[in-house]
């Protein structure tokens, strides 16, 4: 499991875009959203750097949560 902070994710449209972006890389990825803290927890076979690059390209730059 990997957790990302996505500060630009603030609404349902944002959530849908983030989900679509991740599923384009890994259709079987499991994503748990925490909209209040603007975080996702992700179970995916894709590399975190690939996820970060795809999210940034979609307008949602992400950082790994600590």
N, C-alpha and C. Protein backbone atom coordinates (compact mmCIF):
# COMPACT_ATOMS: atom_id res chain seq x y z
N UNK A 1 0.84 -1.18 0.00
CA UNK A 1 0.00 0.00 0.00
C UNK A 1 0.88 1.25 0.00
N UNK A 2 0.45 2.19 -0.80
CA UNK A 2 1.16 3.46 -0.91
C UNK A 2 0.14 4.57 -0.69
N UNK A 3 0.55 5.57 0.07
CA UNK A 3 -0.33 6.71 0.32
C UNK A 3 0.26 7.96 -0.33
N UNK A 4 -0.61 8.67 -1.03
CA UNK A 4 -0.22 9.90 -1.71
C UNK A 4 -1.03 11.07 -1.17
N UNK A 5 -0.37 12.20 -1.01
CA UNK A 5 -1.06 13.47 -0.77
C UNK A 5 -1.32 14.10 -2.13
N UNK A 6 -2.56 14.53 -2.35
CA UNK A 6 -2.92 15.18 -3.62
C UNK A 6 -3.64 16.48 -3.27
N UNK A 7 -2.88 17.56 -3.05
CA UNK A 7 -3.48 18.81 -2.57
C UNK A 7 -4.54 19.41 -3.49
N UNK A 8 -4.48 19.16 -4.80
CA UNK A 8 -5.44 19.73 -5.74
C UNK A 8 -6.75 18.94 -5.82
N UNK A 9 -6.85 17.83 -5.13
CA UNK A 9 -8.05 16.98 -5.18
C UNK A 9 -9.06 17.49 -4.15
N UNK A 10 -10.13 18.12 -4.63
CA UNK A 10 -11.05 18.75 -3.68
C UNK A 10 -12.53 18.46 -3.93
N UNK A 11 -12.86 17.74 -5.00
CA UNK A 11 -14.27 17.52 -5.30
C UNK A 11 -14.47 16.17 -5.98
N UNK A 12 -15.71 15.86 -6.28
CA UNK A 12 -16.04 14.60 -6.94
C UNK A 12 -15.43 14.48 -8.32
N UNK A 13 -15.38 15.59 -9.05
CA UNK A 13 -14.75 15.57 -10.38
C UNK A 13 -13.27 15.25 -10.26
N UNK A 14 -12.62 15.85 -9.28
CA UNK A 14 -11.19 15.57 -9.04
C UNK A 14 -10.99 14.09 -8.73
N UNK A 15 -11.84 13.57 -7.86
CA UNK A 15 -11.75 12.15 -7.48
C UNK A 15 -11.89 11.26 -8.71
N UNK A 16 -12.86 11.56 -9.57
CA UNK A 16 -13.08 10.76 -10.77
C UNK A 16 -11.88 10.82 -11.71
N UNK A 17 -11.27 11.99 -11.84
CA UNK A 17 -10.10 12.14 -12.71
C UNK A 17 -8.91 11.36 -12.15
N UNK A 18 -8.70 11.45 -10.85
CA UNK A 18 -7.61 10.70 -10.22
C UNK A 18 -7.82 9.20 -10.41
N UNK A 19 -9.04 8.74 -10.19
CA UNK A 19 -9.34 7.32 -10.35
C UNK A 19 -9.12 6.87 -11.80
N UNK A 20 -9.61 7.63 -12.74
CA UNK A 20 -9.45 7.30 -14.16
C UNK A 20 -7.98 7.27 -14.55
N UNK A 21 -7.21 8.21 -14.06
CA UNK A 21 -5.79 8.28 -14.37
C UNK A 21 -5.05 7.06 -13.84
N UNK A 22 -5.33 6.67 -12.61
CA UNK A 22 -4.66 5.51 -12.03
C UNK A 22 -5.09 4.23 -12.72
N UNK A 23 -6.37 4.10 -13.01
CA UNK A 23 -6.86 2.88 -13.67
C UNK A 23 -6.37 2.76 -15.11
N UNK A 24 -5.96 3.86 -15.72
CA UNK A 24 -5.35 3.79 -17.05
C UNK A 24 -4.00 3.08 -16.99
N UNK A 25 -3.32 3.20 -15.87
CA UNK A 25 -2.01 2.56 -15.68
C UNK A 25 -2.19 1.13 -15.15
N UNK A 26 -3.09 0.98 -14.19
CA UNK A 26 -3.35 -0.32 -13.57
C UNK A 26 -4.85 -0.48 -13.35
N UNK A 27 -5.54 -1.14 -14.28
CA UNK A 27 -7.00 -1.28 -14.17
C UNK A 27 -7.47 -2.01 -12.92
N UNK A 28 -6.59 -2.77 -12.28
CA UNK A 28 -6.97 -3.53 -11.09
C UNK A 28 -6.59 -2.82 -9.79
N UNK A 29 -6.08 -1.62 -9.88
CA UNK A 29 -5.67 -0.88 -8.69
C UNK A 29 -6.85 -0.67 -7.76
N UNK A 30 -6.61 -0.79 -6.48
CA UNK A 30 -7.60 -0.52 -5.45
C UNK A 30 -7.24 0.83 -4.83
N UNK A 31 -8.20 1.74 -4.83
CA UNK A 31 -7.95 3.10 -4.36
C UNK A 31 -8.93 3.45 -3.26
N UNK A 32 -8.40 3.89 -2.12
CA UNK A 32 -9.23 4.41 -1.04
C UNK A 32 -8.99 5.91 -0.96
N UNK A 33 -10.08 6.68 -1.06
CA UNK A 33 -9.99 8.13 -1.05
C UNK A 33 -10.32 8.69 0.32
N UNK A 34 -9.54 9.67 0.77
CA UNK A 34 -9.86 10.46 1.95
C UNK A 34 -9.90 11.91 1.48
N UNK A 35 -11.09 12.33 1.08
CA UNK A 35 -11.23 13.67 0.50
C UNK A 35 -10.93 14.77 1.51
N UNK A 36 -11.25 14.54 2.78
CA UNK A 36 -11.03 15.57 3.80
C UNK A 36 -9.54 15.90 3.94
N UNK A 37 -8.69 14.89 3.89
CA UNK A 37 -7.25 15.13 4.02
C UNK A 37 -6.55 15.20 2.66
N UNK A 38 -7.34 15.02 1.58
CA UNK A 38 -6.81 15.05 0.22
C UNK A 38 -5.69 14.03 0.03
N UNK A 39 -6.02 12.80 0.44
CA UNK A 39 -5.08 11.68 0.34
C UNK A 39 -5.75 10.49 -0.32
N UNK A 40 -4.93 9.66 -0.95
CA UNK A 40 -5.39 8.36 -1.41
C UNK A 40 -4.44 7.30 -0.87
N UNK A 41 -4.99 6.13 -0.63
CA UNK A 41 -4.19 4.96 -0.30
C UNK A 41 -4.41 4.00 -1.45
N UNK A 42 -3.33 3.51 -1.98
CA UNK A 42 -3.37 2.79 -3.25
C UNK A 42 -2.71 1.42 -3.11
N UNK A 43 -3.39 0.40 -3.59
CA UNK A 43 -2.82 -0.93 -3.73
C UNK A 43 -2.74 -1.21 -5.23
N UNK A 44 -1.52 -1.15 -5.76
CA UNK A 44 -1.33 -1.24 -7.20
C UNK A 44 0.00 -1.90 -7.52
N UNK A 45 0.03 -2.52 -8.70
CA UNK A 45 1.29 -3.09 -9.19
C UNK A 45 2.14 -2.04 -9.88
N UNK A 46 1.57 -0.90 -10.18
CA UNK A 46 2.32 0.17 -10.85
C UNK A 46 3.32 0.79 -9.87
N UNK A 47 4.41 1.29 -10.41
CA UNK A 47 5.42 1.94 -9.59
C UNK A 47 4.92 3.30 -9.12
N UNK A 48 5.23 3.66 -7.87
CA UNK A 48 4.79 4.98 -7.35
C UNK A 48 5.22 6.15 -8.23
N UNK A 49 6.42 6.08 -8.80
CA UNK A 49 6.87 7.18 -9.66
C UNK A 49 6.03 7.28 -10.93
N UNK A 50 5.57 6.14 -11.45
CA UNK A 50 4.71 6.16 -12.63
C UNK A 50 3.35 6.77 -12.29
N UNK A 51 2.84 6.43 -11.11
CA UNK A 51 1.57 7.00 -10.65
C UNK A 51 1.72 8.52 -10.49
N UNK A 52 2.79 8.94 -9.83
CA UNK A 52 3.02 10.38 -9.62
C UNK A 52 3.10 11.12 -10.95
N UNK A 53 3.82 10.56 -11.92
CA UNK A 53 3.96 11.22 -13.22
C UNK A 53 2.62 11.33 -13.93
N UNK A 54 1.82 10.28 -13.89
CA UNK A 54 0.51 10.30 -14.54
C UNK A 54 -0.42 11.31 -13.87
N UNK A 55 -0.41 11.33 -12.54
CA UNK A 55 -1.25 12.29 -11.82
C UNK A 55 -0.83 13.73 -12.12
N UNK A 56 0.47 13.98 -12.17
CA UNK A 56 0.96 15.33 -12.48
C UNK A 56 0.51 15.73 -13.89
N UNK A 57 0.59 14.80 -14.84
CA UNK A 57 0.17 15.10 -16.21
C UNK A 57 -1.31 15.39 -16.29
N UNK A 58 -2.10 14.81 -15.37
CA UNK A 58 -3.54 15.03 -15.34
C UNK A 58 -3.92 16.29 -14.55
N UNK A 59 -2.92 16.96 -13.99
CA UNK A 59 -3.18 18.19 -13.24
C UNK A 59 -3.31 18.00 -11.75
N UNK A 60 -2.91 16.84 -11.26
CA UNK A 60 -3.01 16.54 -9.83
C UNK A 60 -1.67 16.07 -9.30
N UNK A 61 -0.71 16.99 -9.18
CA UNK A 61 0.60 16.58 -8.66
C UNK A 61 0.46 15.98 -7.26
N UNK A 62 1.17 14.88 -7.04
CA UNK A 62 1.05 14.14 -5.79
C UNK A 62 2.42 13.95 -5.17
N UNK A 63 2.42 13.80 -3.86
CA UNK A 63 3.64 13.46 -3.14
C UNK A 63 3.35 12.23 -2.29
N UNK A 64 4.38 11.46 -2.04
CA UNK A 64 4.24 10.30 -1.16
C UNK A 64 4.03 10.79 0.26
N UNK A 65 3.05 10.24 0.93
CA UNK A 65 2.80 10.60 2.33
C UNK A 65 3.78 9.86 3.21
N UNK A 66 4.11 10.47 4.31
CA UNK A 66 5.06 9.85 5.24
C UNK A 66 4.37 9.29 6.45
